[in-house]
C-alpha atoms as a PDB file:
ATOM      1  CA  MET A   1      -8.586  -5.939  -7.761  1.00  0.00           C
ATOM      2  CA  TRP A   2      -6.737  -2.823  -8.900  1.00  0.00           C
ATOM      3  CA  GLY A   3      -7.982   0.291  -7.674  1.00  0.00           C
ATOM      4  CA  SER A   4     -11.185  -1.280  -6.396  1.00  0.00           C
ATOM      5  CA  MET A   5     -10.405  -0.237  -2.663  1.00  0.00           C
ATOM      6  CA  GLU A   6     -10.678  -3.645  -1.838  1.00  0.00           C
ATOM      7  CA  GLU A   7      -8.351  -4.585   1.015  1.00  0.00           C
ATOM      8  CA  ILE A   8      -6.215  -7.745   0.857  1.00  0.00           C
ATOM      9  CA  LYS A   9      -4.041  -9.008   3.865  1.00  0.00           C
ATOM     10  CA  SER A  10      -0.416  -9.773   3.561  1.00  0.00           C
ATOM     11  CA  LYS A  11       0.740 -13.311   4.479  1.00  0.00           C
ATOM     12  CA  GLN A  12       1.640 -11.710   7.928  1.00  0.00           C
ATOM     13  CA  GLY A  13      -1.703 -10.084   8.435  1.00  0.00           C
ATOM     14  CA  TRP A  14      -1.026  -6.500   7.279  1.00  0.00           C
ATOM     15  CA  ARG A  15      -3.878  -4.698   5.452  1.00  0.00           C
ATOM     16  CA  ILE A  16      -2.765  -3.948   1.823  1.00  0.00           C
ATOM     17  CA  ILE A  17      -4.809  -1.852  -0.877  1.00  0.00           C
ATOM     18  CA  PRO A  18      -3.873  -2.408  -4.464  1.00  0.00           C
ATOM     19  CA  LEU A  19      -3.807   1.008  -6.101  1.00  0.00           C
ATOM     20  CA  THR A  20      -3.684   2.200  -9.685  1.00  0.00           C
ATOM     21  CA  LEU A  21      -1.577   5.027 -11.036  1.00  0.00           C
ATOM     22  CA  SER A  22      -4.840   7.157 -11.074  1.00  0.00           C
ATOM     23  CA  ASP A  23      -5.077   6.464  -7.257  1.00  0.00           C
ATOM     24  CA  ILE A  24      -1.618   7.381  -6.578  1.00  0.00           C
ATOM     25  CA  ILE A  25      -1.925  10.819  -8.322  1.00  0.00           C
ATOM     26  CA  LYS A  26      -5.183  11.360  -6.201  1.00  0.00           C
ATOM     27  CA  LEU A  27      -2.855  11.028  -3.232  1.00  0.00           C
ATOM     28  CA  GLY A  28      -0.526  13.618  -4.545  1.00  0.00           C
ATOM     29  CA  GLY A  29       2.072  10.956  -5.795  1.00  0.00           C
ATOM     30  CA  TYR A  30       3.937  10.613  -9.078  1.00  0.00           C
ATOM     31  CA  GLY A  31       3.635   7.019  -9.935  1.00  0.00           C
ATOM     32  CA  ILE A  32       7.018   6.285  -8.253  1.00  0.00           C
ATOM     33  CA  CYS A  33       7.712   3.112  -6.070  1.00  0.00           C
ATOM     34  CA  ASP A  34       8.345   4.104  -2.549  1.00  0.00           C
ATOM     35  CA  SER A  35      11.062   1.367  -2.235  1.00  0.00           C
ATOM     36  CA  CYS A  36      12.994   1.270  -5.549  1.00  0.00           C
ATOM     37  CA  ASN A  37      11.964   4.587  -7.218  1.00  0.00           C
ATOM     38  CA  ALA A  38      10.940   2.919 -10.387  1.00  0.00           C
ATOM     39  CA  SER A  39       7.701   4.220 -12.099  1.00  0.00           C
ATOM     40  CA  SER A  40       4.729   1.840 -12.187  1.00  0.00           C
ATOM     41  CA  PHE A  41       1.126   1.658 -13.171  1.00  0.00           C
ATOM     42  CA  LYS A  42       0.048  -0.620 -10.219  1.00  0.00           C
ATOM     43  CA  PHE A  43       0.914  -0.382  -6.652  1.00  0.00           C
ATOM     44  CA  MET A  44       0.312  -2.267  -3.430  1.00  0.00           C
ATOM     45  CA  TYR A  45      -0.388   0.378  -0.550  1.00  0.00           C
ATOM     46  CA  ILE A  46       1.051  -1.182   2.568  1.00  0.00           C
ATOM     47  CA  GLY A  47      -0.690   0.900   5.619  1.00  0.00           C
ATOM     48  CA  VAL A  48       1.644  -0.054   8.384  1.00  0.00           C
ATOM     49  CA  LEU A  49       4.390   1.750   6.358  1.00  0.00           C
ATOM     50  CA  ASN A  50       2.452   4.380   4.858  1.00  0.00           C
ATOM     51  CA  SER A  51       4.007   3.620   1.486  1.00  0.00           C
ATOM     52  CA  ALA A  52       2.940   2.253  -1.935  1.00  0.00           C
ATOM     53  CA  TYR A  53       5.364  -0.264  -3.409  1.00  0.00           C
ATOM     54  CA  CYS A  54       5.650  -1.743  -7.084  1.00  0.00           C
ATOM     55  CA  GLN A  55       4.641  -5.509  -7.129  1.00  0.00           C
ATOM     56  CA  LYS A  56       8.206  -6.486  -7.142  1.00  0.00           C
ATOM     57  CA  CYS A  57       9.036  -4.647  -4.187  1.00  0.00           C
ATOM     58  CA  TYR A  58       5.861  -5.620  -2.292  1.00  0.00           C
ATOM     59  CA  GLU A  59       6.658  -9.156  -2.874  1.00  0.00           C
ATOM     60  CA  GLU A  60      10.119  -8.873  -1.575  1.00  0.00           C
ATOM     61  CA  TRP A  61       8.923  -6.733   1.373  1.00  0.00           C
ATOM     62  CA  GLU A  62       6.362  -9.741   2.167  1.00  0.00           C
ATOM     63  CA  THR A  63       8.972 -12.170   2.520  1.00  0.00           C
ATOM     64  CA  THR A  64      10.774 -10.443   5.446  1.00  0.00           C
ATOM     65  CA  ALA A  65       7.908  -8.369   7.046  1.00  0.00           C
ATOM     66  CA  LYS A  66       6.910  -8.997  10.519  1.00  0.00           C
ATOM     67  CA  TYR A  67       3.531  -8.413  12.245  1.00  0.00           C
ATOM     68  CA  TYR A  68       3.572  -6.397  15.261  1.00  0.00           C
ATOM     69  CA  PRO A  69       0.091  -5.824  16.925  1.00  0.00           C
ATOM     70  CA  GLU A  70       1.129  -2.439  18.399  1.00  0.00           C
ATOM     71  CA  ASP A  71       1.214  -1.145  15.055  1.00  0.00           C
ATOM     72  CA  VAL A  72      -2.405  -1.814  14.107  1.00  0.00           C
ATOM     73  CA  ARG A  73      -3.638   1.534  15.276  1.00  0.00           C
ATOM     74  CA  ILE A  74      -1.501   3.582  12.995  1.00  0.00           C
ATOM     75  CA  GLU A  75      -2.061   1.042  10.174  1.00  0.00           C
ATOM     76  CA  SER A  76      -5.804   1.562  10.444  1.00  0.00           C
ATOM     77  CA  LYS A  77      -5.462   5.367  10.465  1.00  0.00           C
ATOM     78  CA  ASN A  78      -3.295   5.110   7.281  1.00  0.00           C
ATOM     79  CA  ILE A  79      -5.760   2.560   5.685  1.00  0.00           C
ATOM     80  CA  GLU A  80      -8.727   4.701   6.442  1.00  0.00           C
ATOM     81  CA  TYR A  81      -7.041   8.127   5.376  1.00  0.00           C
ATOM     82  CA  VAL A  82      -6.135   6.524   1.807  1.00  0.00           C
ATOM     83  CA  LYS A  83      -9.527   5.089   1.292  1.00  0.00           C
ATOM     84  CA  GLU A  84     -11.214   8.319   1.899  1.00  0.00           C
ATOM     85  CA  MET A  85      -8.781  10.325  -0.280  1.00  0.00           C
ATOM     86  CA  ILE A  86      -9.157   7.942  -3.350  1.00  0.00           C
ATOM     87  CA  SER A  87     -12.963   7.465  -2.929  1.00  0.00           C
END
């Protein structure tokens, strides 16, 4: 699953891409969670937020996230960009 560019869906329906540290580096990142600022080797890229969270922060986000259909356009743009950059 990690780093395979295989999308998953959050419980609310958002598109998520599991990423490895190597993927994050390709995107210009340093392996730091966008939520808690802790270092990690595995991330969940949340297209609608254009952010990569560690597993713990992703699980916390998923408990409060709400699905807004009007955000799907920007989510899709972000997801496609990330897929292109890490392929």
